Amino acid sequence: MNGYKAILFDLDDTLIDRDKAVENLFFILVEKCYEEVSHSKKTEMLKRFKEHDRKSYGYSDKTNVLDSFFDDFPPSHRLPSDSIQDFWNHHFPQCFSVNKLMIAVLNEIKSQVKVGIITNGTTERQTAKIKNTHLYRCFETIIISEDVGLTKPDKRIFELALNELNVKPEETLFVGDDLEKDMEGCQNANIKGIWFNPHRIRNGTGIKPYAEIHSFDRLLEYVT
């Protein structure tokens, strides 16, 4: 079992595919606000929508994302600026899904070690994602940054999870997709970090994860 007693996970782009959820939200937006859109135009719009989203990634207020997008592509029915945040908060958490293979891997890991989530974000939005995907059934502790007043890469948010699971840093692994927030953050708390990199992005930083995996099932090697 390699001596590990717990594995902690990031949420967005680790356990759930945020990029796919942004696509799903885009199609809801098009159906609600636009009438006839050609396939080629829709492809261009989706690309721009993702660009606007990435610029605001990490910020809770998403009003600028849609306002900027509407400026680029004037809709037939424009959402009022004061209702954009409500639209995002209501629809976006419902755009996430998890695949059966990942759940099977999580259940196998959970049968052998303790498991938890540490995620940055607002309590309302992150809780809704976890609830709608039923991920709450898989984890013993879930720490959301807004709840605790700490955000990754602050080592204290990792230490909170260690305390809740009653494990030591050297007995724990952290799995995440972000080199700075996840890998450097957990290393600051003396936890080994496994970089989840399914798109095989080049590591252009000086941060050196303990390990790198490109598929979720590779995690089983660390607990079996």
C-alpha atoms as a PDB file:
ATOM      1  CA  MET A   1       0.000   0.000   0.000  1.00  0.00           C
ATOM      2  CA  ASN A   2       3.060   2.280  -0.159  1.00  0.00           C
ATOM      3  CA  GLY A   3       2.330   3.508   3.370  1.00  0.00           C
ATOM      4  CA  TYR A   4      -0.209   6.154   2.340  1.00  0.00           C
ATOM      5  CA  LYS A   5      -3.278   6.609   4.495  1.00  0.00           C
ATOM      6  CA  ALA A   6      -5.055   9.421   2.633  1.00  0.00           C
ATOM      7  CA  ILE A   7      -5.428  10.985  -0.792  1.00  0.00           C
ATOM      8  CA  LEU A   8      -6.734  14.524  -1.167  1.00  0.00           C
ATOM      9  CA  PHE A   9      -8.150  15.871  -4.427  1.00  0.00           C
ATOM     10  CA  ASP A  10      -8.675  19.169  -6.178  1.00  0.00           C
ATOM     11  CA  LEU A  11     -12.162  19.559  -7.687  1.00  0.00           C
ATOM     12  CA  ASP A  12     -12.248  21.587 -10.936  1.00  0.00           C
ATOM     13  CA  ASP A  13     -10.364  19.999 -13.840  1.00  0.00           C
ATOM     14  CA  THR A  14      -9.310  17.107 -11.618  1.00  0.00           C
ATOM     15  CA  LEU A  15     -12.467  15.337 -10.463  1.00  0.00           C
ATOM     16  CA  ILE A  16     -14.757  17.239 -12.836  1.00  0.00           C
ATOM     17  CA  ASP A  17     -14.145  18.615 -16.330  1.00  0.00           C
ATOM     18  CA  ARG A  18     -14.640  22.348 -16.136  1.00  0.00           C
ATOM     19  CA  ASP A  19     -13.902  22.956 -19.822  1.00  0.00           C
ATOM     20  CA  LYS A  20     -16.698  20.588 -20.837  1.00  0.00           C
ATOM     21  CA  ALA A  21     -19.041  22.288 -18.376  1.00  0.00           C
ATOM     22  CA  VAL A  22     -18.251  25.682 -19.943  1.00  0.00           C
ATOM     23  CA  GLU A  23     -19.235  24.206 -23.312  1.00  0.00           C
ATOM     24  CA  ASN A  24     -22.505  22.931 -21.864  1.00  0.00           C
ATOM     25  CA  LEU A  25     -23.247  26.356 -20.387  1.00  0.00           C
ATOM     26  CA  PHE A  26     -22.510  27.977 -23.736  1.00  0.00           C
ATOM     27  CA  PHE A  27     -25.156  25.850 -25.476  1.00  0.00           C
ATOM     28  CA  ILE A  28     -27.710  26.748 -22.805  1.00  0.00           C
ATOM     29  CA  LEU A  29     -26.866  30.411 -23.369  1.00  0.00           C
ATOM     30  CA  VAL A  30     -27.208  30.123 -27.143  1.00  0.00           C
ATOM     31  CA  GLU A  31     -30.580  28.418 -26.845  1.00  0.00           C
ATOM     32  CA  LYS A  32     -31.829  31.083 -24.437  1.00  0.00           C
ATOM     33  CA  CYS A  33     -30.436  34.240 -26.012  1.00  0.00           C
ATOM     34  CA  TYR A  34     -29.939  33.578 -29.744  1.00  0.00           C
ATOM     35  CA  GLU A  35     -32.290  32.487 -32.500  1.00  0.00           C
ATOM     36  CA  GLU A  36     -30.681  31.165 -35.696  1.00  0.00           C
ATOM     37  CA  VAL A  37     -26.940  30.457 -35.422  1.00  0.00           C
ATOM     38  CA  SER A  38     -24.989  28.594 -38.106  1.00  0.00           C
ATOM     39  CA  HIS A  39     -22.612  25.795 -37.149  1.00  0.00           C
ATOM     40  CA  SER A  40     -19.536  27.778 -38.221  1.00  0.00           C
ATOM     41  CA  LYS A  41     -20.715  30.835 -36.304  1.00  0.00           C
ATOM     42  CA  LYS A  42     -21.412  28.722 -33.240  1.00  0.00           C
ATOM     43  CA  THR A  43     -17.878  27.324 -33.361  1.00  0.00           C
ATOM     44  CA  GLU A  44     -16.461  30.847 -33.455  1.00  0.00           C
ATOM     45  CA  MET A  45     -18.731  31.936 -30.610  1.00  0.00           C
ATOM     46  CA  LEU A  46     -17.753  28.977 -28.421  1.00  0.00           C
ATOM     47  CA  LYS A  47     -14.062  29.741 -28.894  1.00  0.00           C
ATOM     48  CA  ARG A  48     -14.605  33.359 -27.848  1.00  0.00           C
ATOM     49  CA  PHE A  49     -16.830  32.364 -24.931  1.00  0.00           C
ATOM     50  CA  LYS A  50     -14.067  30.128 -23.558  1.00  0.00           C
ATOM     51  CA  GLU A  51     -11.549  32.953 -23.939  1.00  0.00           C
ATOM     52  CA  HIS A  52     -13.750  35.302 -21.899  1.00  0.00           C
ATOM     53  CA  ASP A  53     -14.256  32.598 -19.274  1.00  0.00           C
ATOM     54  CA  ARG A  54     -10.523  31.932 -18.890  1.00  0.00           C
ATOM     55  CA  LYS A  55      -9.862  35.624 -18.346  1.00  0.00           C
ATOM     56  CA  SER A  56     -12.172  35.561 -15.334  1.00  0.00           C
ATOM     57  CA  TYR A  57     -11.204  32.130 -14.021  1.00  0.00           C
ATOM     58  CA  GLY A  58     -10.867  32.258 -10.262  1.00  0.00           C
ATOM     59  CA  TYR A  59     -13.217  35.223  -9.863  1.00  0.00           C
ATOM     60  CA  SER A  60     -16.638  34.622  -8.373  1.00  0.00           C
ATOM     61  CA  ASP A  61     -18.406  37.393 -10.330  1.00  0.00           C
ATOM     62  CA  LYS A  62     -19.023  36.225 -13.903  1.00  0.00           C
ATOM     63  CA  THR A  63     -20.943  39.298 -15.109  1.00  0.00           C
ATOM     64  CA  ASN A  64     -18.051  40.504 -17.262  1.00  0.00           C
ATOM     65  CA  VAL A  65     -17.821  37.136 -19.031  1.00  0.00           C
ATOM     66  CA  LEU A  66     -21.315  37.333 -20.488  1.00  0.00           C
ATOM     67  CA  ASP A  67     -21.402  41.107 -20.911  1.00  0.00           C
ATOM     68  CA  SER A  68     -18.183  40.973 -22.957  1.00  0.00           C
ATOM     69  CA  PHE A  69     -19.458  38.008 -24.941  1.00  0.00           C
ATOM     70  CA  PHE A  70     -22.736  39.802 -25.708  1.00  0.00           C
ATOM     71  CA  ASP A  71     -20.740  42.820 -26.901  1.00  0.00           C
ATOM     72  CA  ASP A  72     -18.860  40.545 -29.316  1.00  0.00           C
ATOM     73  CA  PHE A  73     -21.975  38.683 -30.471  1.00  0.00           C
ATOM     74  CA  PRO A  74     -25.138  40.776 -29.938  1.00  0.00           C
ATOM     75  CA  PRO A  75     -27.947  38.387 -28.932  1.00  0.00           C
ATOM     76  CA  SER A  76     -31.608  38.409 -29.831  1.00  0.00           C
ATOM     77  CA  HIS A  77     -32.453  38.384 -26.110  1.00  0.00           C
ATOM     78  CA  ARG A  78     -29.729  39.853 -23.928  1.00  0.00           C
ATOM     79  CA  LEU A  79     -29.637  38.929 -20.260  1.00  0.00           C
ATOM     80  CA  PRO A  80     -29.696  42.023 -18.045  1.00  0.00           C
ATOM     81  CA  SER A  81     -26.344  42.549 -16.308  1.00  0.00           C
ATOM     82  CA  ASP A  82     -27.959  42.291 -12.877  1.00  0.00           C
ATOM     83  CA  SER A  83     -29.287  38.797 -13.657  1.00  0.00           C
ATOM     84  CA  ILE A  84     -26.138  37.292 -15.213  1.00  0.00           C
ATOM     85  CA  GLN A  85     -24.676  36.100 -11.926  1.00  0.00           C
ATOM     86  CA  ASP A  86     -27.921  34.337 -11.019  1.00  0.00           C
ATOM     87  CA  PHE A  87     -27.996  32.690 -14.457  1.00  0.00           C
ATOM     88  CA  TRP A  88     -24.416  31.463 -13.997  1.00  0.00           C
ATOM     89  CA  ASN A  89     -24.933  30.261 -10.426  1.00  0.00           C
ATOM     90  CA  HIS A  90     -28.085  28.364 -11.370  1.00  0.00           C
ATOM     91  CA  HIS A  91     -26.997  26.717 -14.617  1.00  0.00           C
ATOM     92  CA  PHE A  92     -23.235  26.213 -14.382  1.00  0.00           C
ATOM     93  CA  PRO A  93     -23.185  23.668 -11.518  1.00  0.00           C
ATOM     94  CA  GLN A  94     -25.708  21.589 -13.471  1.00  0.00           C
ATOM     95  CA  CYS A  95     -23.345  21.458 -16.465  1.00  0.00           C
ATOM     96  CA  PHE A  96     -20.866  19.148 -14.728  1.00  0.00           C
ATOM     97  CA  SER A  97     -20.807  15.379 -14.837  1.00  0.00           C
ATOM     98  CA  VAL A  98     -18.509  12.573 -13.728  1.00  0.00           C
ATOM     99  CA  ASN A  99     -17.774   9.377 -15.621  1.00  0.00           C
ATOM    100  CA  LYS A 100     -18.355   5.905 -14.239  1.00  0.00           C
ATOM    101  CA  LEU A 101     -14.700   4.909 -14.529  1.00  0.00           C
ATOM    102  CA  MET A 102     -13.619   7.752 -12.268  1.00  0.00           C
ATOM    103  CA  ILE A 103     -16.252   6.829  -9.680  1.00  0.00           C
ATOM    104  CA  ALA A 104     -15.093   3.217  -9.791  1.00  0.00           C
ATOM    105  CA  VAL A 105     -11.489   4.314  -9.238  1.00  0.00           C
ATOM    106  CA  LEU A 106     -12.526   6.604  -6.370  1.00  0.00           C
ATOM    107  CA  ASN A 107     -14.482   3.819  -4.694  1.00  0.00           C
ATOM    108  CA  GLU A 108     -11.498   1.474  -4.971  1.00  0.00           C
ATOM    109  CA  ILE A 109      -9.206   4.126  -3.471  1.00  0.00           C
ATOM    110  CA  LYS A 110     -11.718   4.864  -0.723  1.00  0.00           C
ATOM    111  CA  SER A 111     -11.812   1.184   0.230  1.00  0.00           C
ATOM    112  CA  GLN A 112      -8.121   1.406   1.132  1.00  0.00           C
ATOM    113  CA  VAL A 113      -7.353   4.985   2.245  1.00  0.00           C
ATOM    114  CA  LYS A 114      -9.138   8.090   3.495  1.00  0.00           C
ATOM    115  CA  VAL A 115     -10.176  10.589   0.817  1.00  0.00           C
ATOM    116  CA  GLY A 116     -11.028  14.283   0.801  1.00  0.00           C
ATOM    117  CA  ILE A 117     -11.500  17.330  -1.439  1.00  0.00           C
ATOM    118  CA  ILE A 118      -9.839  20.740  -1.131  1.00  0.00           C
ATOM    119  CA  THR A 119     -11.252  23.276  -3.578  1.00  0.00           C
ATOM    120  CA  ASN A 120     -10.985  27.018  -4.129  1.00  0.00           C
ATOM    121  CA  GLY A 121     -14.236  28.823  -4.887  1.00  0.00           C
ATOM    122  CA  THR A 122     -17.474  30.070  -3.449  1.00  0.00           C
ATOM    123  CA  THR A 123     -19.398  27.834  -1.076  1.00  0.00           C
ATOM    124  CA  GLU A 124     -22.620  28.100  -3.086  1.00  0.00           C
ATOM    125  CA  ARG A 125     -21.097  27.206  -6.437  1.00  0.00           C
ATOM    126  CA  GLN A 126     -18.691  24.473  -5.311  1.00  0.00           C
ATOM    127  CA  THR A 127     -21.298  22.829  -3.086  1.00  0.00           C
ATOM    128  CA  ALA A 128     -23.758  22.779  -5.990  1.00  0.00           C
ATOM    129  CA  LYS A 129     -21.189  21.093  -8.272  1.00  0.00           C
ATOM    130  CA  ILE A 130     -20.414  18.446  -5.660  1.00  0.00           C
ATOM    131  CA  LYS A 131     -24.101  17.870  -4.932  1.00  0.00           C
ATOM    132  CA  ASN A 132     -25.211  17.697  -8.585  1.00  0.00           C
ATOM    133  CA  THR A 133     -22.480  15.187  -9.467  1.00  0.00           C
ATOM    134  CA  HIS A 134     -23.113  13.174  -6.257  1.00  0.00           C
ATOM    135  CA  LEU A 135     -19.400  13.365  -5.423  1.00  0.00           C
ATOM    136  CA  TYR A 136     -20.237  14.062  -1.786  1.00  0.00           C
ATOM    137  CA  ARG A 137     -20.981  10.338  -1.427  1.00  0.00           C
ATOM    138  CA  CYS A 138     -17.345   9.473  -2.137  1.00  0.00           C
ATOM    139  CA  PHE A 139     -15.481  11.712   0.316  1.00  0.00           C
ATOM    140  CA  GLU A 140     -14.954  11.867   4.046  1.00  0.00           C
ATOM    141  CA  THR A 141     -14.112  15.556   4.147  1.00  0.00           C
ATOM    142  CA  ILE A 142     -14.750  18.432   1.724  1.00  0.00           C
ATOM    143  CA  ILE A 143     -13.029  21.762   2.327  1.00  0.00           C
ATOM    144  CA  ILE A 144     -14.150  24.812   0.323  1.00  0.00           C
ATOM    145  CA  SER A 145     -11.973  27.907   0.481  1.00  0.00           C
ATOM    146  CA  GLU A 146     -14.782  30.385   1.156  1.00  0.00           C
ATOM    147  CA  ASP A 147     -15.953  28.258   4.097  1.00  0.00           C
ATOM    148  CA  VAL A 148     -12.588  28.338   5.839  1.00  0.00           C
ATOM    149  CA  GLY A 149     -11.232  31.728   4.743  1.00  0.00           C
ATOM    150  CA  LEU A 150      -8.139  30.150   3.165  1.00  0.00           C
ATOM    151  CA  THR A 151      -7.278  29.398  -0.452  1.00  0.00           C
ATOM    152  CA  LYS A 152      -4.751  27.154  -2.159  1.00  0.00           C
ATOM    153  CA  PRO A 153      -1.745  27.448  -2.310  1.00  0.00           C
ATOM    154  CA  ASP A 154      -1.863  28.503   1.380  1.00  0.00           C
ATOM    155  CA  LYS A 155      -0.458  25.507   3.246  1.00  0.00           C
ATOM    156  CA  ARG A 156      -2.964  26.007   6.059  1.00  0.00           C
ATOM    157  CA  ILE A 157      -5.891  24.809   3.955  1.00  0.00           C
ATOM    158  CA  PHE A 158      -4.027  21.537   3.362  1.00  0.00           C
ATOM    159  CA  GLU A 159      -3.251  21.277   7.061  1.00  0.00           C
ATOM    160  CA  LEU A 160      -6.969  21.613   7.842  1.00  0.00           C
ATOM    161  CA  ALA A 161      -7.644  18.526   5.732  1.00  0.00           C
ATOM    162  CA  LEU A 162      -4.853  16.595   7.454  1.00  0.00           C
ATOM    163  CA  ASN A 163      -6.376  17.438  10.830  1.00  0.00           C
ATOM    164  CA  GLU A 164      -9.873  16.437   9.755  1.00  0.00           C
ATOM    165  CA  LEU A 165      -8.674  13.073   8.456  1.00  0.00           C
ATOM    166  CA  ASN A 166      -6.205  12.618  11.330  1.00  0.00           C
ATOM    167  CA  VAL A 167      -3.269  11.811   9.062  1.00  0.00           C
ATOM    168  CA  LYS A 168       0.296  13.077   8.763  1.00  0.00           C
ATOM    169  CA  PRO A 169       1.732  14.892   5.696  1.00  0.00           C
ATOM    170  CA  GLU A 170       4.070  12.009   4.867  1.00  0.00           C
ATOM    171  CA  GLU A 171       1.076   9.628   4.854  1.00  0.00           C
ATOM    172  CA  THR A 172      -0.827  11.743   2.346  1.00  0.00           C
ATOM    173  CA  LEU A 173      -0.944  12.458  -1.386  1.00  0.00           C
ATOM    174  CA  PHE A 174      -2.625  15.395  -3.098  1.00  0.00           C
ATOM    175  CA  VAL A 175      -3.939  15.164  -6.663  1.00  0.00           C
ATOM    176  CA  GLY A 176      -4.556  18.311  -8.696  1.00  0.00           C
ATOM    177  CA  ASP A 177      -4.200  19.906 -12.124  1.00  0.00           C
ATOM    178  CA  ASP A 178      -2.752  23.299 -11.153  1.00  0.00           C
ATOM    179  CA  LEU A 179       1.005  23.412 -10.656  1.00  0.00           C
ATOM    180  CA  GLU A 180       1.045  26.528  -8.473  1.00  0.00           C
ATOM    181  CA  LYS A 181      -2.138  26.217  -6.426  1.00  0.00           C
ATOM    182  CA  ASP A 182      -2.151  22.424  -6.103  1.00  0.00           C
ATOM    183  CA  MET A 183       1.400  21.117  -6.449  1.00  0.00           C
ATOM    184  CA  GLU A 184       3.362  23.944  -4.846  1.00  0.00           C
ATOM    185  CA  GLY A 185       0.627  24.436  -2.264  1.00  0.00           C
ATOM    186  CA  CYS A 186       0.613  20.851  -1.039  1.00  0.00           C
ATOM    187  CA  GLN A 187       4.416  20.709  -1.071  1.00  0.00           C
ATOM    188  CA  ASN A 188       4.424  23.743   1.230  1.00  0.00           C
ATOM    189  CA  ALA A 189       2.496  21.538   3.661  1.00  0.00           C
ATOM    190  CA  ASN A 190       5.018  18.684   3.136  1.00  0.00           C
ATOM    191  CA  ILE A 191       2.488  16.639   1.173  1.00  0.00           C
ATOM    192  CA  LYS A 192       3.559  14.857  -2.004  1.00  0.00           C
ATOM    193  CA  GLY A 193       1.711  16.144  -5.046  1.00  0.00           C
ATOM    194  CA  ILE A 194       0.556  14.140  -8.061  1.00  0.00           C
ATOM    195  CA  TRP A 195       0.021  16.374 -11.068  1.00  0.00           C
ATOM    196  CA  PHE A 196      -3.080  15.327 -13.013  1.00  0.00           C
ATOM    197  CA  ASN A 197      -2.175  16.345 -16.560  1.00  0.00           C
ATOM    198  CA  PRO A 198      -4.492  14.564 -19.044  1.00  0.00           C
ATOM    199  CA  HIS A 199      -3.735  17.073 -21.809  1.00  0.00           C
ATOM    200  CA  ARG A 200       0.018  16.575 -21.354  1.00  0.00           C
ATOM    201  CA  ILE A 201       0.714  20.274 -20.882  1.00  0.00           C
ATOM    202  CA  ARG A 202       4.404  21.137 -20.730  1.00  0.00           C
ATOM    203  CA  ASN A 203       5.605  22.105 -17.268  1.00  0.00           C
ATOM    204  CA  GLY A 204       7.299  25.434 -17.842  1.00  0.00           C
ATOM    205  CA  THR A 205       7.641  26.226 -14.141  1.00  0.00           C
ATOM    206  CA  GLY A 206      10.265  25.382 -11.572  1.00  0.00           C
ATOM    207  CA  ILE A 207       7.702  23.354  -9.618  1.00  0.00           C
ATOM    208  CA  LYS A 208       8.486  19.639  -9.559  1.00  0.00           C
ATOM    209  CA  PRO A 209       5.570  17.379  -8.604  1.00  0.00           C
ATOM    210  CA  TYR A 210       6.244  14.099  -6.884  1.00  0.00           C
ATOM    211  CA  ALA A 211       4.585  12.345  -9.853  1.00  0.00           C
ATOM    212  CA  GLU A 212       2.601  13.081 -12.997  1.00  0.00           C
ATOM    213  CA  ILE A 213      -0.339  11.070 -14.334  1.00  0.00           C
ATOM    214  CA  HIS A 214      -2.295  11.401 -17.577  1.00  0.00           C
ATOM    215  CA  SER A 215      -5.253   9.177 -16.699  1.00  0.00           C
ATOM    216  CA  PHE A 216      -7.202   8.915 -13.456  1.00  0.00           C
ATOM    217  CA  ASP A 217      -6.857   5.148 -13.091  1.00  0.00           C
ATOM    218  CA  ARG A 218      -3.084   5.499 -12.688  1.00  0.00           C
ATOM    219  CA  LEU A 219      -3.811   6.565  -9.104  1.00  0.00           C
ATOM    220  CA  LEU A 220      -4.494   2.947  -8.225  1.00  0.00           C
ATOM    221  CA  GLU A 221      -0.759   2.291  -8.459  1.00  0.00           C
ATOM    222  CA  TYR A 222      -0.276   4.406  -5.335  1.00  0.00           C
ATOM    223  CA  VAL A 223      -2.744   2.562  -3.121  1.00  0.00           C
ATOM    224  CA  THR A 224      -2.553  -1.043  -4.311  1.00  0.00           C
END
